[in-house]
Amino acid sequence: MDALTEEGHDSRGAVAEAPPESTAVRVALRVRPLVAREQQEKSCLRVDAPSVVLGKERAFHFDFAFDETCTQQQLYDTACGPLVEHCFQGYNATVFAYGQTGSGKTYTVSGSLSQLLQAQA
């Protein structure tokens, strides 16, 4: 596990502590890596976990926030793994990926094509 900052966040931009177990709905946001065309433009989005900041001051708060350097394993371990464990204990859980076309839903669920090919090799 990465070292924590003073604010309690790790270096990949995820919240270090999970929200309270009594919370029925938790919301996680993942910023997907930029494609080549987008890398040429200046990004106006910054992950300041557990918030995402648009522009200079418009912040949106989440239970978990992951930046574009987050790996599939880190996302799963932090936001999804505990839900799967609860399912084995008899509880219900749902992981729902939502966003506009091209926003990274498929990437979040399955990773990049190169990652899939490497995993199969």
C-alpha atoms as a PDB file:
ATOM      1  CA  MET A   1       0.000   0.000   0.000  1.00  0.00           C
ATOM      2  CA  ASP A   2       1.195   3.497  -0.793  1.00  0.00           C
ATOM      3  CA  ALA A   3       2.243   5.936   1.908  1.00  0.00           C
ATOM      4  CA  LEU A   4      -0.519   8.301   2.998  1.00  0.00           C
ATOM      5  CA  THR A   5      -0.429  12.069   2.786  1.00  0.00           C
ATOM      6  CA  GLU A   6      -1.362  14.310   5.702  1.00  0.00           C
ATOM      7  CA  GLU A   7      -4.907  14.512   4.331  1.00  0.00           C
ATOM      8  CA  GLY A   8      -5.219  10.704   4.504  1.00  0.00           C
ATOM      9  CA  HIS A   9      -5.005  10.066   0.760  1.00  0.00           C
ATOM     10  CA  ASP A  10      -2.611   7.768  -1.017  1.00  0.00           C
ATOM     11  CA  SER A  11      -0.463   8.671  -4.006  1.00  0.00           C
ATOM     12  CA  ARG A  12      -2.940   7.353  -6.589  1.00  0.00           C
ATOM     13  CA  GLY A  13      -5.637   9.783  -5.519  1.00  0.00           C
ATOM     14  CA  ALA A  14      -7.931   7.344  -3.724  1.00  0.00           C
ATOM     15  CA  VAL A  15      -9.456   7.892  -0.333  1.00  0.00           C
ATOM     16  CA  ALA A  16      -7.381   5.979   2.206  1.00  0.00           C
ATOM     17  CA  GLU A  17     -10.313   4.988   4.392  1.00  0.00           C
ATOM     18  CA  ALA A  18     -13.551   3.531   3.123  1.00  0.00           C
ATOM     19  CA  PRO A  19     -16.801   5.341   3.939  1.00  0.00           C
ATOM     20  CA  PRO A  20     -18.726   4.085   6.970  1.00  0.00           C
ATOM     21  CA  GLU A  21     -20.321   0.651   6.566  1.00  0.00           C
ATOM     22  CA  SER A  22     -23.699   2.200   7.381  1.00  0.00           C
ATOM     23  CA  THR A  23     -23.663   4.093   4.079  1.00  0.00           C
ATOM     24  CA  ALA A  24     -26.042   2.327   1.695  1.00  0.00           C
ATOM     25  CA  VAL A  25     -24.840   4.009  -1.500  1.00  0.00           C
ATOM     26  CA  ARG A  26     -21.241   4.866  -2.270  1.00  0.00           C
ATOM     27  CA  VAL A  27     -20.084   6.749  -5.325  1.00  0.00           C
ATOM     28  CA  ALA A  28     -16.663   6.345  -6.897  1.00  0.00           C
ATOM     29  CA  LEU A  29     -15.264   8.347  -9.778  1.00  0.00           C
ATOM     30  CA  ARG A  30     -12.442   7.218 -12.018  1.00  0.00           C
ATOM     31  CA  VAL A  31     -10.681   9.495 -14.454  1.00  0.00           C
ATOM     32  CA  ARG A  32      -9.638   7.386 -17.414  1.00  0.00           C
ATOM     33  CA  PRO A  33      -6.266   7.928 -19.075  1.00  0.00           C
ATOM     34  CA  LEU A  34      -6.357  10.515 -21.825  1.00  0.00           C
ATOM     35  CA  VAL A  35      -6.227   9.354 -25.438  1.00  0.00           C
ATOM     36  CA  ALA A  36      -3.545  10.823 -27.742  1.00  0.00           C
ATOM     37  CA  ARG A  37      -5.807  13.606 -29.046  1.00  0.00           C
ATOM     38  CA  GLU A  38      -6.745  14.663 -25.511  1.00  0.00           C
ATOM     39  CA  GLN A  39      -3.128  14.659 -24.297  1.00  0.00           C
ATOM     40  CA  GLN A  40      -2.411  17.574 -26.625  1.00  0.00           C
ATOM     41  CA  GLU A  41      -5.042  19.690 -24.877  1.00  0.00           C
ATOM     42  CA  LYS A  42      -4.731  21.168 -21.404  1.00  0.00           C
ATOM     43  CA  SER A  43      -6.868  19.297 -18.879  1.00  0.00           C
ATOM     44  CA  CYS A  44      -9.232  21.302 -16.703  1.00  0.00           C
ATOM     45  CA  LEU A  45      -9.867  18.359 -14.355  1.00  0.00           C
ATOM     46  CA  ARG A  46      -7.858  17.556 -11.231  1.00  0.00           C
ATOM     47  CA  VAL A  47      -8.359  14.717  -8.735  1.00  0.00           C
ATOM     48  CA  ASP A  48      -8.007  15.990  -5.181  1.00  0.00           C
ATOM     49  CA  ALA A  49      -9.370  12.888  -3.458  1.00  0.00           C
ATOM     50  CA  PRO A  50     -12.084  12.467  -2.464  1.00  0.00           C
ATOM     51  CA  SER A  51     -13.027  15.348  -4.720  1.00  0.00           C
ATOM     52  CA  VAL A  52     -12.633  16.164  -8.372  1.00  0.00           C
ATOM     53  CA  VAL A  53     -12.020  19.801  -9.246  1.00  0.00           C
ATOM     54  CA  LEU A  54     -13.107  21.291 -12.570  1.00  0.00           C
ATOM     55  CA  GLY A  55     -11.392  24.490 -13.552  1.00  0.00           C
ATOM     56  CA  LYS A  56     -10.015  26.386 -10.596  1.00  0.00           C
ATOM     57  CA  GLU A  57     -12.731  26.057  -7.995  1.00  0.00           C
ATOM     58  CA  ARG A  58     -15.673  23.859  -8.926  1.00  0.00           C
ATOM     59  CA  ALA A  59     -15.363  20.737  -6.769  1.00  0.00           C
ATOM     60  CA  PHE A  60     -17.476  17.590  -6.749  1.00  0.00           C
ATOM     61  CA  HIS A  61     -17.191  15.231  -3.779  1.00  0.00           C
ATOM     62  CA  PHE A  62     -17.269  11.424  -3.901  1.00  0.00           C
ATOM     63  CA  ASP A  63     -16.679   8.517  -1.552  1.00  0.00           C
ATOM     64  CA  PHE A  64     -13.742   7.466  -3.727  1.00  0.00           C
ATOM     65  CA  ALA A  65     -11.907   9.383  -6.463  1.00  0.00           C
ATOM     66  CA  PHE A  66      -9.265   7.776  -8.665  1.00  0.00           C
ATOM     67  CA  ASP A  67      -6.973   9.616 -11.066  1.00  0.00           C
ATOM     68  CA  GLU A  68      -5.782   8.382 -14.462  1.00  0.00           C
ATOM     69  CA  THR A  69      -2.783   6.563 -12.937  1.00  0.00           C
ATOM     70  CA  CYS A  70      -4.988   4.192 -10.945  1.00  0.00           C
ATOM     71  CA  THR A  71      -4.665   0.542 -11.971  1.00  0.00           C
ATOM     72  CA  GLN A  72      -7.507  -1.928 -12.369  1.00  0.00           C
ATOM     73  CA  GLN A  73      -6.263  -3.783  -9.280  1.00  0.00           C
ATOM     74  CA  GLN A  74      -6.138  -0.627  -7.136  1.00  0.00           C
ATOM     75  CA  LEU A  75      -9.668   0.325  -8.147  1.00  0.00           C
ATOM     76  CA  TYR A  76     -10.970  -3.177  -7.470  1.00  0.00           C
ATOM     77  CA  ASP A  77      -9.198  -3.506  -4.113  1.00  0.00           C
ATOM     78  CA  THR A  78     -10.444  -0.145  -2.873  1.00  0.00           C
ATOM     79  CA  ALA A  79     -13.969   0.195  -4.238  1.00  0.00           C
ATOM     80  CA  CYS A  80     -15.203  -3.206  -5.471  1.00  0.00           C
ATOM     81  CA  GLY A  81     -13.430  -5.954  -3.524  1.00  0.00           C
ATOM     82  CA  PRO A  82     -15.199  -5.219  -0.226  1.00  0.00           C
ATOM     83  CA  LEU A  83     -18.560  -5.488  -2.025  1.00  0.00           C
ATOM     84  CA  VAL A  84     -17.659  -8.903  -3.408  1.00  0.00           C
ATOM     85  CA  GLU A  85     -16.624 -10.067   0.070  1.00  0.00           C
ATOM     86  CA  HIS A  86     -19.994  -8.924   1.442  1.00  0.00           C
ATOM     87  CA  CYS A  87     -21.750 -10.950  -1.267  1.00  0.00           C
ATOM     88  CA  PHE A  88     -20.018 -14.071   0.041  1.00  0.00           C
ATOM     89  CA  GLN A  89     -21.453 -13.202   3.457  1.00  0.00           C
ATOM     90  CA  GLY A  90     -24.982 -13.166   2.040  1.00  0.00           C
ATOM     91  CA  TYR A  91     -25.423  -9.461   1.342  1.00  0.00           C
ATOM     92  CA  ASN A  92     -26.492  -7.931  -1.972  1.00  0.00           C
ATOM     93  CA  ALA A  93     -24.252  -5.505  -3.828  1.00  0.00           C
ATOM     94  CA  THR A  94     -24.172  -3.802  -7.210  1.00  0.00           C
ATOM     95  CA  VAL A  95     -21.360  -2.111  -9.082  1.00  0.00           C
ATOM     96  CA  PHE A  96     -22.826   0.187 -11.711  1.00  0.00           C
ATOM     97  CA  ALA A  97     -20.707   1.937 -14.341  1.00  0.00           C
ATOM     98  CA  TYR A  98     -22.360   5.082 -15.669  1.00  0.00           C
ATOM     99  CA  GLY A  99     -21.213   7.823 -18.008  1.00  0.00           C
ATOM    100  CA  GLN A 100     -21.541   9.264 -21.470  1.00  0.00           C
ATOM    101  CA  THR A 101     -20.175   7.502 -24.534  1.00  0.00           C
ATOM    102  CA  GLY A 102     -16.386   7.590 -24.499  1.00  0.00           C
ATOM    103  CA  SER A 103     -16.145   8.424 -20.802  1.00  0.00           C
ATOM    104  CA  GLY A 104     -14.289   5.231 -19.829  1.00  0.00           C
ATOM    105  CA  LYS A 105     -16.914   2.751 -18.622  1.00  0.00           C
ATOM    106  CA  THR A 106     -15.520  -0.159 -20.637  1.00  0.00           C
ATOM    107  CA  TYR A 107     -11.988   0.801 -19.653  1.00  0.00           C
ATOM    108  CA  THR A 108     -12.979   0.800 -15.974  1.00  0.00           C
ATOM    109  CA  VAL A 109     -14.627  -2.615 -16.225  1.00  0.00           C
ATOM    110  CA  SER A 110     -12.092  -4.393 -18.441  1.00  0.00           C
ATOM    111  CA  GLY A 111      -8.971  -2.233 -18.796  1.00  0.00           C
ATOM    112  CA  SER A 112      -7.180  -1.480 -22.029  1.00  0.00           C
ATOM    113  CA  LEU A 113      -6.899  -3.951 -24.890  1.00  0.00           C
ATOM    114  CA  SER A 114      -3.138  -4.215 -24.317  1.00  0.00           C
ATOM    115  CA  GLN A 115      -3.751  -5.111 -20.641  1.00  0.00           C
ATOM    116  CA  LEU A 116      -6.201  -7.825 -21.676  1.00  0.00           C
ATOM    117  CA  LEU A 117      -3.767  -9.281 -24.208  1.00  0.00           C
ATOM    118  CA  GLN A 118      -0.944  -9.295 -21.657  1.00  0.00           C
ATOM    119  CA  ALA A 119      -3.161 -11.039 -19.105  1.00  0.00           C
ATOM    120  CA  GLN A 120      -4.026 -13.763 -21.630  1.00  0.00           C
ATOM    121  CA  ALA A 121      -0.384 -14.376 -22.614  1.00  0.00           C
END
